[in-house]
Amino acid sequence: MSGLGAKYGATVRKRYTRIYRELKAKRNCPSCGSRRFSRSAVGVWKCGKCGYTVASGAYTFA
């Protein structure tokens, strides 16, 4: 699941994999509790059900 070739090295591939898993993890919306809360742009998180939008981290919702 790394998405990077061998030329980048083990440390970079592990870091990429960890960040990618955090980015694609299922999250609950803080407003309505729905599982449709995801990143719509870098630093912008939006709920697909209620439309709640918030600015937070680039890869994780803090």
Protein backbone atom coordinates (compact mmCIF):
# COMPACT_ATOMS: atom_id res chain seq x y z
CA MET A 1 0.00 0.00 0.00
CA SER A 2 2.98 2.28 -0.09
CA GLY A 3 2.55 3.64 -3.62
CA LEU A 4 6.25 4.47 -3.78
CA GLY A 5 9.00 2.52 -5.50
CA ALA A 6 12.09 1.06 -3.91
CA LYS A 7 14.18 4.10 -4.78
CA TYR A 8 12.64 6.20 -2.01
CA GLY A 9 13.87 4.05 0.89
CA ALA A 10 12.15 2.19 3.70
CA THR A 11 11.78 5.14 6.07
CA VAL A 12 10.00 7.34 3.54
CA ARG A 13 7.72 4.48 2.45
CA LYS A 14 6.74 3.75 6.07
CA ARG A 15 6.01 7.44 6.72
CA TYR A 16 3.93 7.67 3.53
CA THR A 17 1.95 4.54 4.44
CA ARG A 18 1.18 5.83 7.94
CA ILE A 19 -0.01 9.23 6.65
CA TYR A 20 -2.07 7.65 3.84
CA ARG A 21 -3.86 5.33 6.30
CA GLU A 22 -4.66 8.28 8.57
CA LEU A 23 -5.99 10.26 5.61
CA LYS A 24 -8.30 7.50 4.36
CA ALA A 25 -9.55 6.39 7.81
CA LYS A 26 -13.30 6.50 8.45
CA ARG A 27 -14.28 9.35 10.76
CA ASN A 28 -17.41 10.45 12.57
CA CYS A 29 -18.78 13.92 11.93
CA PRO A 30 -18.46 16.10 15.06
CA SER A 31 -21.83 17.69 14.30
CA CYS A 32 -24.18 14.83 13.35
CA GLY A 33 -22.13 11.70 14.13
CA SER A 34 -22.31 10.33 10.56
CA ARG A 35 -19.43 8.22 9.18
CA ARG A 36 -19.34 10.32 5.99
CA PHE A 37 -16.83 12.87 7.32
CA SER A 38 -13.80 13.15 5.04
CA ARG A 39 -11.29 15.57 3.56
CA SER A 40 -12.55 17.60 0.61
CA ALA A 41 -9.37 19.66 0.10
CA VAL A 42 -6.05 20.13 1.88
CA GLY A 43 -7.00 21.21 5.40
CA VAL A 44 -10.74 21.27 4.69
CA TRP A 45 -12.94 18.52 6.16
CA LYS A 46 -16.60 18.12 5.22
CA CYS A 47 -19.50 15.89 6.18
CA GLY A 48 -21.33 14.41 3.20
CA LYS A 49 -24.56 14.08 5.14
CA CYS A 50 -25.10 17.36 6.98
CA GLY A 51 -22.65 19.61 5.10
CA TYR A 52 -20.68 20.58 8.21
CA THR A 53 -17.34 22.04 7.05
CA VAL A 54 -14.30 22.77 9.19
CA ALA A 55 -10.65 23.64 8.65
CA SER A 56 -8.11 21.38 10.36
CA GLY A 57 -4.94 19.45 9.62
CA ALA A 58 -3.85 18.51 6.10
CA TYR A 59 -3.86 14.73 6.67
CA THR A 60 -5.75 14.22 9.94
CA PHE A 61 -8.69 15.88 11.58
CA ALA A 62 -7.52 17.20 14.92
